[in-house]
Amino acid sequence: MSGGKGKKLKERGPILVTHQGLSGPAVLRLSAFGARELHALDYKATIRINWKPDMAGSVEGVMAEFEAFKKFHGQKDIGGTSGPTLDLPRRLWQAMVAEIGIALDLKWCDVKKADLRKLAMLVAQCDLQVAGKSTNKDEFVTSGGVSLPGVDMSKMHSKSVPGLYFCGEVLDIDGITGGYNLQSAWTTGTIAGRSIAQMASH
């Protein structure tokens, strides 16, 4: 991901294509690590996706697969399959083919090499524009909050305001996706609850 100012962030993992945009572990981690950079860019940046990074991460690697499939399965419709090696989701593949301007019912053997290269570029170097972000209610984790040095983590109470306790998302804690933030909320909530109960019993 790049904002055009030399700052680039990288992440690898599953991607989920939704009706509103991109999501999934890779995107969530990328947005978390680049939260401040994205804010500074007013959430306008370019994200480059390599849909098949295992193919040496290159356009040439994808091109080689295309040429091989074209040679042995030239009579198949290009819109019907991306080949067993690429194995891209059908709707994603058809959207890519259509984006290049190739008819979905065109035979692989009839696709021009120049168009195949454009398609390989779209697979290995798919540039999408980031334009804005979801609303707060849709976010998984929010960055920022009460600064941890001001909190007694053994009791989850404020060091400066007696009787004030914190837990969960109100704290300046945000981990990578995978349940870490939920665990943080459960743990800090349990500690805070027990501390309050202990205080009330005295």
N, C-alpha and C. Protein backbone atom coordinates (compact mmCIF):
# COMPACT_ATOMS: atom_id res chain seq x y z
N MET A 1 0.84 -1.19 0.00
CA MET A 1 0.00 0.00 0.00
C MET A 1 0.87 1.23 0.00
N SER A 2 0.55 2.23 -0.82
CA SER A 2 1.34 3.44 -0.91
C SER A 2 0.44 4.65 -1.01
N GLY A 3 0.88 5.75 -0.39
CA GLY A 3 0.13 6.99 -0.48
C GLY A 3 0.75 7.98 -1.43
N GLY A 4 1.75 7.52 -2.19
CA GLY A 4 2.40 8.40 -3.14
C GLY A 4 3.43 9.31 -2.53
N LYS A 5 3.79 9.09 -1.27
CA LYS A 5 4.76 9.94 -0.61
C LYS A 5 5.96 9.12 -0.13
N GLY A 6 6.18 7.97 -0.77
CA GLY A 6 7.32 7.16 -0.43
C GLY A 6 7.09 6.17 0.69
N LYS A 7 5.97 6.29 1.38
CA LYS A 7 5.65 5.39 2.48
C LYS A 7 4.93 4.17 1.94
N LYS A 8 5.54 2.99 2.13
CA LYS A 8 4.92 1.77 1.65
C LYS A 8 4.81 0.75 2.76
N LEU A 9 3.68 0.08 2.83
CA LEU A 9 3.43 -0.96 3.82
C LEU A 9 3.10 -2.25 3.09
N LYS A 10 3.54 -3.37 3.63
CA LYS A 10 3.28 -4.67 3.01
C LYS A 10 2.65 -5.63 4.01
N GLU A 11 1.79 -6.48 3.49
CA GLU A 11 1.17 -7.52 4.32
C GLU A 11 0.82 -8.69 3.42
N ARG A 12 0.81 -9.88 3.97
CA ARG A 12 0.47 -11.07 3.21
C ARG A 12 -0.57 -11.89 3.97
N GLY A 13 -1.57 -12.38 3.27
CA GLY A 13 -2.59 -13.19 3.90
C GLY A 13 -3.87 -13.19 3.10
N PRO A 14 -4.91 -13.85 3.61
CA PRO A 14 -6.20 -13.93 2.89
C PRO A 14 -6.86 -12.57 2.76
N ILE A 15 -7.55 -12.38 1.62
CA ILE A 15 -8.29 -11.16 1.35
C ILE A 15 -9.75 -11.53 1.05
N LEU A 16 -10.65 -10.76 1.59
CA LEU A 16 -12.07 -10.96 1.36
C LEU A 16 -12.60 -9.78 0.54
N VAL A 17 -13.21 -10.08 -0.60
CA VAL A 17 -13.82 -9.04 -1.43
C VAL A 17 -15.28 -8.92 -1.04
N THR A 18 -15.67 -7.76 -0.53
CA THR A 18 -17.05 -7.55 -0.07
C THR A 18 -17.77 -6.61 -1.03
N HIS A 19 -19.05 -6.34 -0.75
CA HIS A 19 -19.82 -5.40 -1.57
C HIS A 19 -19.34 -3.97 -1.36
N GLN A 20 -18.71 -3.70 -0.21
CA GLN A 20 -18.26 -2.34 0.08
C GLN A 20 -16.78 -2.12 -0.25
N GLY A 21 -16.02 -3.20 -0.39
CA GLY A 21 -14.58 -3.04 -0.63
C GLY A 21 -13.83 -4.28 -0.21
N LEU A 22 -12.62 -4.09 0.29
CA LEU A 22 -11.78 -5.22 0.69
C LEU A 22 -11.75 -5.38 2.20
N SER A 23 -11.67 -6.62 2.64
CA SER A 23 -11.56 -6.93 4.05
C SER A 23 -10.71 -8.20 4.18
N GLY A 24 -10.80 -8.85 5.32
CA GLY A 24 -10.01 -10.06 5.53
C GLY A 24 -8.76 -9.78 6.34
N PRO A 25 -8.10 -10.82 6.84
CA PRO A 25 -6.93 -10.66 7.73
C PRO A 25 -5.84 -9.75 7.19
N ALA A 26 -5.46 -9.90 5.92
CA ALA A 26 -4.37 -9.09 5.36
C ALA A 26 -4.74 -7.61 5.37
N VAL A 27 -5.96 -7.30 4.97
CA VAL A 27 -6.41 -5.90 4.90
C VAL A 27 -6.55 -5.31 6.30
N LEU A 28 -7.08 -6.10 7.22
CA LEU A 28 -7.25 -5.60 8.59
C LEU A 28 -5.91 -5.31 9.25
N ARG A 29 -4.92 -6.19 9.03
CA ARG A 29 -3.59 -5.96 9.60
C ARG A 29 -2.95 -4.73 8.96
N LEU A 30 -3.10 -4.62 7.64
CA LEU A 30 -2.52 -3.49 6.92
C LEU A 30 -3.12 -2.17 7.39
N SER A 31 -4.43 -2.14 7.57
CA SER A 31 -5.08 -0.91 8.01
C SER A 31 -4.71 -0.58 9.45
N ALA A 32 -4.43 -1.61 10.26
CA ALA A 32 -4.03 -1.36 11.64
C ALA A 32 -2.62 -0.79 11.70
N PHE A 33 -1.69 -1.42 10.98
CA PHE A 33 -0.30 -0.97 11.01
C PHE A 33 -0.15 0.40 10.34
N GLY A 34 -1.03 0.69 9.37
CA GLY A 34 -0.92 1.97 8.67
C GLY A 34 -1.98 2.97 9.08
N ALA A 35 -2.57 2.79 10.25
CA ALA A 35 -3.68 3.66 10.68
C ALA A 35 -3.31 5.14 10.68
N ARG A 36 -2.16 5.46 11.24
CA ARG A 36 -1.76 6.87 11.31
C ARG A 36 -1.41 7.42 9.93
N GLU A 37 -0.73 6.60 9.12
CA GLU A 37 -0.39 7.04 7.77
C GLU A 37 -1.64 7.28 6.93
N LEU A 38 -2.62 6.38 7.05
CA LEU A 38 -3.87 6.53 6.30
C LEU A 38 -4.63 7.79 6.74
N HIS A 39 -4.62 8.03 8.04
CA HIS A 39 -5.29 9.24 8.55
C HIS A 39 -4.64 10.49 7.98
N ALA A 40 -3.30 10.49 7.95
CA ALA A 40 -2.57 11.65 7.44
C ALA A 40 -2.84 11.87 5.95
N LEU A 41 -3.17 10.79 5.23
CA LEU A 41 -3.46 10.88 3.80
C LEU A 41 -4.95 11.07 3.52
N ASP A 42 -5.73 11.29 4.58
CA ASP A 42 -7.18 11.43 4.45
C ASP A 42 -7.78 10.19 3.80
N TYR A 43 -7.19 9.05 4.10
CA TYR A 43 -7.67 7.75 3.62
C TYR A 43 -7.75 7.68 2.09
N LYS A 44 -6.73 8.28 1.45
CA LYS A 44 -6.61 8.20 -0.01
C LYS A 44 -5.22 7.63 -0.32
N ALA A 45 -5.20 6.44 -0.88
CA ALA A 45 -3.94 5.77 -1.17
C ALA A 45 -4.17 4.72 -2.25
N THR A 46 -3.09 4.09 -2.65
CA THR A 46 -3.17 3.00 -3.64
C THR A 46 -2.75 1.70 -2.97
N ILE A 47 -3.56 0.69 -3.15
CA ILE A 47 -3.20 -0.63 -2.63
C ILE A 47 -2.94 -1.55 -3.81
N ARG A 48 -1.79 -2.21 -3.80
CA ARG A 48 -1.42 -3.13 -4.88
C ARG A 48 -1.55 -4.56 -4.37
N ILE A 49 -2.34 -5.35 -5.08
CA ILE A 49 -2.57 -6.73 -4.67
C ILE A 49 -1.94 -7.69 -5.68
N ASN A 50 -1.21 -8.65 -5.16
CA ASN A 50 -0.75 -9.77 -5.98
C ASN A 50 -1.63 -10.95 -5.60
N TRP A 51 -2.53 -11.32 -6.50
CA TRP A 51 -3.50 -12.36 -6.19
C TRP A 51 -2.87 -13.75 -6.13
N LYS A 52 -1.68 -13.91 -6.69
CA LYS A 52 -0.99 -15.20 -6.66
C LYS A 52 0.48 -14.99 -6.31
N PRO A 53 0.79 -14.57 -5.09
CA PRO A 53 2.17 -14.27 -4.71
C PRO A 53 3.09 -15.49 -4.73
N ASP A 54 2.52 -16.68 -4.70
CA ASP A 54 3.34 -17.89 -4.71
C ASP A 54 4.00 -18.13 -6.07
N MET A 55 3.55 -17.43 -7.10
CA MET A 55 4.14 -17.58 -8.43
C MET A 55 5.31 -16.61 -8.60
N ALA A 56 6.25 -16.69 -7.68
CA ALA A 56 7.44 -15.84 -7.70
C ALA A 56 7.08 -14.37 -7.63
N GLY A 57 5.81 -14.08 -7.39
CA GLY A 57 5.36 -12.70 -7.23
C GLY A 57 5.58 -11.84 -8.44
N SER A 58 5.61 -12.44 -9.65
CA SER A 58 5.94 -11.65 -10.82
C SER A 58 4.92 -11.81 -11.94
N VAL A 59 4.89 -10.79 -12.81
CA VAL A 59 4.05 -10.84 -13.99
C VAL A 59 4.51 -11.98 -14.89
N GLU A 60 5.83 -12.16 -14.99
CA GLU A 60 6.37 -13.21 -15.85
C GLU A 60 5.94 -14.60 -15.37
N GLY A 61 5.88 -14.80 -14.08
CA GLY A 61 5.45 -16.08 -13.55
C GLY A 61 4.01 -16.39 -13.94
N VAL A 62 3.14 -15.39 -13.85
CA VAL A 62 1.74 -15.57 -14.24
C VAL A 62 1.64 -15.77 -15.75
N MET A 63 2.45 -15.00 -16.51
CA MET A 63 2.44 -15.12 -17.97
C MET A 63 2.82 -16.53 -18.40
N ALA A 64 3.79 -17.12 -17.73
CA ALA A 64 4.22 -18.48 -18.06
C ALA A 64 3.08 -19.46 -17.86
N GLU A 65 2.29 -19.27 -16.81
CA GLU A 65 1.14 -20.13 -16.56
C GLU A 65 0.09 -19.94 -17.65
N PHE A 66 -0.13 -18.71 -18.06
CA PHE A 66 -1.10 -18.43 -19.12
C PHE A 66 -0.69 -19.11 -20.43
N GLU A 67 0.57 -18.97 -20.77
CA GLU A 67 1.07 -19.55 -22.03
C GLU A 67 0.93 -21.08 -22.03
N ALA A 68 1.24 -21.69 -20.89
CA ALA A 68 1.13 -23.14 -20.78
C ALA A 68 -0.32 -23.59 -20.90
N PHE A 69 -1.22 -22.87 -20.23
CA PHE A 69 -2.64 -23.24 -20.29
C PHE A 69 -3.19 -23.03 -21.69
N LYS A 70 -2.77 -21.94 -22.32
CA LYS A 70 -3.22 -21.64 -23.69
C LYS A 70 -2.77 -22.74 -24.65
N LYS A 71 -1.58 -23.27 -24.44
CA LYS A 71 -1.03 -24.30 -25.33
C LYS A 71 -1.80 -25.61 -25.24
N PHE A 72 -2.15 -26.01 -24.04
CA PHE A 72 -2.79 -27.32 -23.85
C PHE A 72 -4.32 -27.28 -23.74
N HIS A 73 -4.87 -26.07 -23.48
CA HIS A 73 -6.33 -25.98 -23.32
C HIS A 73 -6.87 -24.78 -24.10
N GLY A 74 -6.35 -24.61 -25.30
CA GLY A 74 -6.70 -23.45 -26.11
C GLY A 74 -8.16 -23.33 -26.50
N GLN A 75 -8.90 -24.45 -26.49
CA GLN A 75 -10.30 -24.41 -26.92
C GLN A 75 -11.27 -24.06 -25.80
N LYS A 76 -10.75 -23.89 -24.61
CA LYS A 76 -11.62 -23.50 -23.49
C LYS A 76 -11.90 -22.00 -23.55
N ASP A 77 -13.08 -21.60 -23.06
CA ASP A 77 -13.41 -20.17 -22.97
C ASP A 77 -12.57 -19.53 -21.88
N ILE A 78 -12.01 -18.37 -22.16
CA ILE A 78 -11.16 -17.72 -21.16
C ILE A 78 -11.97 -17.28 -19.94
N GLY A 79 -13.25 -16.99 -20.15
CA GLY A 79 -14.08 -16.58 -19.02
C GLY A 79 -14.51 -17.74 -18.14
N GLY A 80 -14.26 -18.97 -18.61
CA GLY A 80 -14.70 -20.13 -17.85
C GLY A 80 -13.74 -20.56 -16.76
N THR A 81 -12.45 -20.30 -16.97
CA THR A 81 -11.47 -20.74 -15.97
C THR A 81 -10.17 -19.96 -16.12
N SER A 82 -9.51 -19.77 -14.99
CA SER A 82 -8.18 -19.14 -15.00
C SER A 82 -7.09 -20.19 -15.02
N GLY A 83 -7.52 -21.46 -15.10
CA GLY A 83 -6.55 -22.55 -15.11
C GLY A 83 -6.39 -23.13 -13.72
N PRO A 84 -5.99 -24.41 -13.64
CA PRO A 84 -5.88 -25.09 -12.35
C PRO A 84 -4.79 -24.53 -11.43
N THR A 85 -3.77 -23.91 -12.01
CA THR A 85 -2.68 -23.38 -11.18
C THR A 85 -3.07 -22.06 -10.54
N LEU A 86 -3.62 -21.18 -11.35
CA LEU A 86 -4.06 -19.89 -10.79
C LEU A 86 -5.25 -20.11 -9.86
N ASP A 87 -6.27 -20.81 -10.38
CA ASP A 87 -7.44 -21.18 -9.58
C ASP A 87 -8.03 -19.99 -8.83
N LEU A 88 -8.24 -18.90 -9.55
CA LEU A 88 -8.86 -17.73 -8.94
C LEU A 88 -10.37 -17.93 -8.84
N PRO A 89 -11.03 -17.31 -7.86
CA PRO A 89 -12.50 -17.40 -7.79
C PRO A 89 -13.12 -16.96 -9.11
N ARG A 90 -14.11 -17.69 -9.56
CA ARG A 90 -14.70 -17.48 -10.89
C ARG A 90 -15.14 -16.05 -11.12
N ARG A 91 -15.87 -15.46 -10.18
CA ARG A 91 -16.39 -14.10 -10.39
C ARG A 91 -15.27 -13.07 -10.41
N LEU A 92 -14.23 -13.28 -9.60
CA LEU A 92 -13.08 -12.38 -9.61
C LEU A 92 -12.36 -12.48 -10.95
N TRP A 93 -12.15 -13.71 -11.42
CA TRP A 93 -11.47 -13.93 -12.69
C TRP A 93 -12.25 -13.29 -13.85
N GLN A 94 -13.56 -13.49 -13.88
CA GLN A 94 -14.37 -12.92 -14.95
C GLN A 94 -14.36 -11.39 -14.92
N ALA A 95 -14.31 -10.83 -13.72
CA ALA A 95 -14.24 -9.37 -13.61
C ALA A 95 -12.91 -8.86 -14.17
N MET A 96 -11.84 -9.60 -13.94
CA MET A 96 -10.52 -9.22 -14.47
C MET A 96 -10.51 -9.30 -16.00
N VAL A 97 -11.04 -10.41 -16.52
CA VAL A 97 -11.09 -10.59 -17.97
C VAL A 97 -11.88 -9.46 -18.62
N ALA A 98 -13.03 -9.13 -18.03
CA ALA A 98 -13.88 -8.06 -18.56
C ALA A 98 -13.19 -6.71 -18.46
N GLU A 99 -12.42 -6.49 -17.39
CA GLU A 99 -11.71 -5.23 -17.20
C GLU A 99 -10.70 -4.99 -18.33
N ILE A 100 -10.08 -6.05 -18.81
CA ILE A 100 -9.12 -5.93 -19.91
C ILE A 100 -9.85 -5.71 -21.24
N GLY A 101 -11.13 -6.06 -21.29
CA GLY A 101 -11.89 -5.90 -22.53
C GLY A 101 -11.91 -7.15 -23.37
N ILE A 102 -11.65 -8.30 -22.73
CA ILE A 102 -11.67 -9.59 -23.43
C ILE A 102 -13.06 -10.20 -23.26
N ALA A 103 -13.63 -10.67 -24.36
CA ALA A 103 -14.94 -11.33 -24.29
C ALA A 103 -14.82 -12.62 -23.50
N LEU A 104 -15.75 -12.86 -22.61
CA LEU A 104 -15.69 -14.04 -21.75
C LEU A 104 -15.75 -15.34 -22.53
N ASP A 105 -16.39 -15.33 -23.70
CA ASP A 105 -16.53 -16.56 -24.49
C ASP A 105 -15.41 -16.72 -25.52
N LEU A 106 -14.42 -15.86 -25.48
CA LEU A 106 -13.29 -15.99 -26.40
C LEU A 106 -12.43 -17.18 -25.98
N LYS A 107 -12.00 -17.97 -26.98
CA LYS A 107 -11.16 -19.12 -26.70
C LYS A 107 -9.76 -18.66 -26.29
N TRP A 108 -9.17 -19.43 -25.38
CA TRP A 108 -7.82 -19.11 -24.93
C TRP A 108 -6.85 -18.97 -26.10
N CYS A 109 -6.99 -19.83 -27.09
CA CYS A 109 -6.07 -19.80 -28.22
C CYS A 109 -6.21 -18.54 -29.06
N ASP A 110 -7.33 -17.84 -28.93
CA ASP A 110 -7.55 -16.63 -29.72
C ASP A 110 -7.23 -15.33 -28.97
N VAL A 111 -6.83 -15.45 -27.73
CA VAL A 111 -6.50 -14.25 -26.95
C VAL A 111 -5.12 -13.74 -27.35
N LYS A 112 -5.04 -12.46 -27.65
CA LYS A 112 -3.77 -11.86 -28.05
C LYS A 112 -2.78 -11.87 -26.89
N LYS A 113 -1.52 -12.01 -27.22
CA LYS A 113 -0.48 -12.04 -26.19
C LYS A 113 -0.45 -10.74 -25.40
N ALA A 114 -0.69 -9.63 -26.09
CA ALA A 114 -0.70 -8.32 -25.41
C ALA A 114 -1.80 -8.26 -24.35
N ASP A 115 -2.96 -8.86 -24.67
CA ASP A 115 -4.07 -8.87 -23.72
C ASP A 115 -3.78 -9.82 -22.56
N LEU A 116 -3.11 -10.94 -22.86
CA LEU A 116 -2.72 -11.85 -21.79
C LEU A 116 -1.76 -11.18 -20.82
N ARG A 117 -0.85 -10.36 -21.35
CA ARG A 117 0.10 -9.66 -20.48
C ARG A 117 -0.63 -8.65 -19.60
N LYS A 118 -1.61 -7.97 -20.17
CA LYS A 118 -2.41 -7.04 -19.36
C LYS A 118 -3.12 -7.79 -18.24
N LEU A 119 -3.61 -8.98 -18.57
CA LEU A 119 -4.30 -9.81 -17.59
C LEU A 119 -3.34 -10.28 -16.51
N ALA A 120 -2.12 -10.64 -16.93
CA ALA A 120 -1.09 -11.06 -15.97
C ALA A 120 -0.72 -9.91 -15.04
N MET A 121 -0.68 -8.70 -15.58
CA MET A 121 -0.41 -7.51 -14.76
C MET A 121 -1.51 -7.32 -13.72
N LEU A 122 -2.75 -7.58 -14.14
CA LEU A 122 -3.87 -7.41 -13.23
C LEU A 122 -3.85 -8.45 -12.12
N VAL A 123 -3.33 -9.63 -12.41
CA VAL A 123 -3.24 -10.68 -11.40
C VAL A 123 -2.10 -10.41 -10.43
N ALA A 124 -0.94 -10.03 -10.96
CA ALA A 124 0.26 -9.87 -10.13
C ALA A 124 0.45 -8.46 -9.56
N GLN A 125 -0.14 -7.47 -10.22
CA GLN A 125 0.03 -6.08 -9.77
C GLN A 125 -1.28 -5.32 -9.92
N CYS A 126 -2.27 -5.75 -9.18
CA CYS A 126 -3.60 -5.16 -9.27
C CYS A 126 -3.68 -3.91 -8.37
N ASP A 127 -3.67 -2.74 -8.99
CA ASP A 127 -3.72 -1.49 -8.23
C ASP A 127 -5.16 -1.03 -8.04
N LEU A 128 -5.54 -0.83 -6.78
CA LEU A 128 -6.87 -0.33 -6.44
C LEU A 128 -6.73 0.93 -5.60
N GLN A 129 -7.66 1.83 -5.76
CA GLN A 129 -7.60 3.09 -5.03
C GLN A 129 -8.37 3.02 -3.72
N VAL A 130 -7.72 3.42 -2.66
CA VAL A 130 -8.38 3.53 -1.35
C VAL A 130 -9.02 4.92 -1.30
N ALA A 131 -10.31 4.97 -1.07
CA ALA A 131 -11.01 6.25 -1.03
C ALA A 131 -11.96 6.27 0.16
N GLY A 132 -11.44 6.68 1.30
CA GLY A 132 -12.27 6.77 2.49
C GLY A 132 -12.20 5.51 3.33
N LYS A 133 -12.97 5.51 4.40
CA LYS A 133 -12.98 4.37 5.32
C LYS A 133 -14.41 4.11 5.78
N SER A 134 -14.59 2.99 6.44
CA SER A 134 -15.92 2.66 6.94
C SER A 134 -16.24 3.51 8.16
N THR A 135 -17.49 3.50 8.57
CA THR A 135 -17.88 4.27 9.74
C THR A 135 -17.42 3.56 11.01
N ASN A 136 -17.39 4.28 12.11
CA ASN A 136 -16.89 3.73 13.38
C ASN A 136 -17.61 2.45 13.79
N LYS A 137 -18.91 2.38 13.53
CA LYS A 137 -19.67 1.20 13.96
C LYS A 137 -19.28 -0.06 13.19
N ASP A 138 -18.63 0.11 12.04
CA ASP A 138 -18.23 -1.05 11.23
C ASP A 138 -16.80 -1.49 11.49
N GLU A 139 -16.05 -0.71 12.25
CA GLU A 139 -14.65 -1.03 12.45
C GLU A 139 -14.48 -2.16 13.46
N PHE A 140 -13.46 -2.96 13.27
CA PHE A 140 -13.18 -4.08 14.16
C PHE A 140 -12.45 -3.61 15.41
N VAL A 141 -11.48 -2.72 15.22
CA VAL A 141 -10.65 -2.23 16.32
C VAL A 141 -10.38 -0.75 16.08
N THR A 142 -10.45 0.03 17.13
CA THR A 142 -10.12 1.44 17.01
C THR A 142 -8.80 1.72 17.71
N SER A 143 -7.95 2.46 17.03
CA SER A 143 -6.64 2.81 17.58
C SER A 143 -6.76 4.02 18.48
N GLY A 144 -5.92 4.09 19.51
CA GLY A 144 -5.95 5.23 20.43
C GLY A 144 -6.77 4.92 21.67
N GLY A 145 -6.84 5.89 22.56
CA GLY A 145 -7.59 5.70 23.80
C GLY A 145 -6.78 6.16 24.99
N VAL A 146 -7.16 5.70 26.17
CA VAL A 146 -6.49 6.09 27.41
C VAL A 146 -5.05 5.55 27.39
N SER A 147 -4.10 6.44 27.63
CA SER A 147 -2.69 6.07 27.61
C SER A 147 -2.36 5.08 28.72
N LEU A 148 -1.66 3.99 28.39
CA LEU A 148 -1.40 2.92 29.35
C LEU A 148 -0.52 3.33 30.53
N PRO A 149 0.46 4.23 30.35
CA PRO A 149 1.26 4.63 31.52
C PRO A 149 0.43 5.26 32.65
N GLY A 150 -0.77 5.75 32.31
CA GLY A 150 -1.61 6.38 33.33
C GLY A 150 -2.54 5.39 34.01
N VAL A 151 -2.37 4.08 33.71
CA VAL A 151 -3.26 3.06 34.25
C VAL A 151 -2.46 2.02 35.04
N ASP A 152 -2.94 1.69 36.22
CA ASP A 152 -2.36 0.59 36.99
C ASP A 152 -2.93 -0.70 36.40
N MET A 153 -2.12 -1.40 35.58
CA MET A 153 -2.61 -2.55 34.84
C MET A 153 -2.94 -3.75 35.73
N SER A 154 -2.44 -3.74 36.95
CA SER A 154 -2.74 -4.86 37.86
C SER A 154 -4.15 -4.75 38.42
N LYS A 155 -4.71 -3.55 38.41
CA LYS A 155 -6.06 -3.31 38.93
C LYS A 155 -6.97 -2.65 37.90
N MET A 156 -6.37 -2.14 36.82
CA MET A 156 -7.07 -1.42 35.75
C MET A 156 -7.69 -0.12 36.23
N HIS A 157 -7.08 0.52 37.23
CA HIS A 157 -7.63 1.81 37.67
C HIS A 157 -6.68 2.95 37.31
N SER A 158 -7.23 4.15 37.24
CA SER A 158 -6.46 5.33 36.91
C SER A 158 -5.46 5.63 38.02
N LYS A 159 -4.27 6.04 37.65
CA LYS A 159 -3.26 6.40 38.64
C LYS A 159 -3.47 7.81 39.18
N SER A 160 -4.28 8.58 38.47
CA SER A 160 -4.48 9.98 38.89
C SER A 160 -5.88 10.29 39.40
N VAL A 161 -6.86 9.45 39.05
CA VAL A 161 -8.24 9.69 39.47
C VAL A 161 -8.74 8.48 40.27
N PRO A 162 -8.86 8.60 41.60
CA PRO A 162 -9.32 7.47 42.43
C PRO A 162 -10.71 6.98 42.01
N GLY A 163 -10.87 5.67 41.98
CA GLY A 163 -12.19 5.09 41.68
C GLY A 163 -12.54 5.02 40.21
N LEU A 164 -11.61 5.42 39.32
CA LEU A 164 -11.89 5.39 37.88
C LEU A 164 -11.16 4.19 37.25
N TYR A 165 -11.94 3.32 36.58
CA TYR A 165 -11.39 2.10 36.01
C TYR A 165 -11.57 2.09 34.49
N PHE A 166 -10.69 1.39 33.84
CA PHE A 166 -10.74 1.30 32.37
C PHE A 166 -10.62 -0.15 31.92
N CYS A 167 -11.18 -0.45 30.76
CA CYS A 167 -10.99 -1.78 30.17
C CYS A 167 -11.38 -1.75 28.69
N GLY A 168 -10.95 -2.76 27.98
CA GLY A 168 -11.36 -2.93 26.58
C GLY A 168 -10.89 -1.84 25.64
N GLU A 169 -11.76 -1.49 24.68
CA GLU A 169 -11.41 -0.57 23.60
C GLU A 169 -11.16 0.86 24.05
N VAL A 170 -11.55 1.20 25.28
CA VAL A 170 -11.29 2.55 25.76
C VAL A 170 -9.80 2.77 26.02
N LEU A 171 -9.04 1.69 26.13
CA LEU A 171 -7.60 1.76 26.35
C LEU A 171 -6.86 1.85 25.02
N ASP A 172 -5.65 2.40 25.06
CA ASP A 172 -4.83 2.52 23.86
C ASP A 172 -4.13 1.19 23.58
N ILE A 173 -4.94 0.19 23.25
CA ILE A 173 -4.43 -1.14 22.91
C ILE A 173 -5.11 -1.58 21.62
N ASP A 174 -4.33 -1.93 20.62
CA ASP A 174 -4.91 -2.56 19.44
C ASP A 174 -3.88 -3.52 18.86
N GLY A 175 -4.24 -4.79 18.88
CA GLY A 175 -3.35 -5.83 18.38
C GLY A 175 -3.73 -6.24 16.98
N ILE A 176 -2.99 -7.18 16.42
CA ILE A 176 -3.31 -7.68 15.10
C ILE A 176 -4.58 -8.51 15.16
N THR A 177 -5.21 -8.70 14.01
CA THR A 177 -6.44 -9.48 13.96
C THR A 177 -6.15 -10.94 14.31
N GLY A 178 -7.13 -11.61 14.85
CA GLY A 178 -6.94 -13.00 15.24
C GLY A 178 -7.38 -13.28 16.66
N GLY A 179 -8.18 -12.38 17.24
CA GLY A 179 -8.71 -12.62 18.58
C GLY A 179 -7.95 -11.93 19.70
N TYR A 180 -6.81 -11.30 19.37
CA TYR A 180 -6.01 -10.67 20.42
C TYR A 180 -6.75 -9.50 21.08
N ASN A 181 -7.49 -8.73 20.30
CA ASN A 181 -8.22 -7.60 20.85
C ASN A 181 -9.39 -8.07 21.72
N LEU A 182 -10.04 -9.15 21.29
CA LEU A 182 -11.11 -9.72 22.12
C LEU A 182 -10.53 -10.21 23.45
N GLN A 183 -9.38 -10.89 23.38
CA GLN A 183 -8.76 -11.40 24.60
C GLN A 183 -8.37 -10.25 25.52
N SER A 184 -7.88 -9.17 24.93
CA SER A 184 -7.52 -7.99 25.73
C SER A 184 -8.74 -7.42 26.44
N ALA A 185 -9.86 -7.34 25.70
CA ALA A 185 -11.09 -6.81 26.29
C ALA A 185 -11.59 -7.70 27.42
N TRP A 186 -11.57 -9.02 27.20
CA TRP A 186 -12.03 -9.95 28.24
C TRP A 186 -11.14 -9.88 29.48
N THR A 187 -9.83 -9.86 29.26
CA THR A 187 -8.89 -9.87 30.37
C THR A 187 -8.96 -8.59 31.19
N THR A 188 -8.89 -7.44 30.49
CA THR A 188 -8.92 -6.16 31.22
C THR A 188 -10.27 -5.96 31.89
N GLY A 189 -11.35 -6.44 31.24
CA GLY A 189 -12.69 -6.32 31.83
C GLY A 189 -12.81 -7.16 33.09
N THR A 190 -12.24 -8.36 33.06
CA THR A 190 -12.27 -9.24 34.23
C THR A 190 -11.49 -8.62 35.39
N ILE A 191 -10.29 -8.11 35.07
CA ILE A 191 -9.46 -7.50 36.12
C ILE A 191 -10.15 -6.28 36.71
N ALA A 192 -10.72 -5.44 35.84
CA ALA A 192 -11.41 -4.24 36.32
C ALA A 192 -12.62 -4.61 37.18
N GLY A 193 -13.40 -5.59 36.73
CA GLY A 193 -14.57 -6.00 37.49
C GLY A 193 -14.23 -6.55 38.86
N ARG A 194 -13.20 -7.38 38.93
CA ARG A 194 -12.78 -7.94 40.22
C ARG A 194 -12.23 -6.86 41.13
N SER A 195 -11.52 -5.91 40.55
CA SER A 195 -10.96 -4.82 41.36
C SER A 195 -12.05 -3.94 41.95
N ILE A 196 -13.08 -3.67 41.12
CA ILE A 196 -14.20 -2.86 41.61
C ILE A 196 -14.96 -3.60 42.71
N ALA A 197 -15.18 -4.90 42.49
CA ALA A 197 -15.87 -5.69 43.50
C ALA A 197 -15.09 -5.75 44.80
N GLN A 198 -13.78 -5.87 44.69
CA GLN A 198 -12.94 -5.91 45.89
C GLN A 198 -12.96 -4.58 46.61
N MET A 199 -12.95 -3.50 45.87
CA MET A 199 -13.00 -2.16 46.46
C MET A 199 -14.33 -1.94 47.17
N ALA A 200 -15.43 -2.40 46.54
CA ALA A 200 -16.77 -2.20 47.10
C ALA A 200 -16.99 -3.00 48.37
N SER A 201 -16.26 -4.12 48.50
CA SER A 201 -16.46 -4.96 49.67
C SER A 201 -15.72 -4.44 50.90
N HIS A 202 -14.82 -3.50 50.70
CA HIS A 202 -14.06 -2.95 51.84
C HIS A 202 -14.78 -1.76 52.46
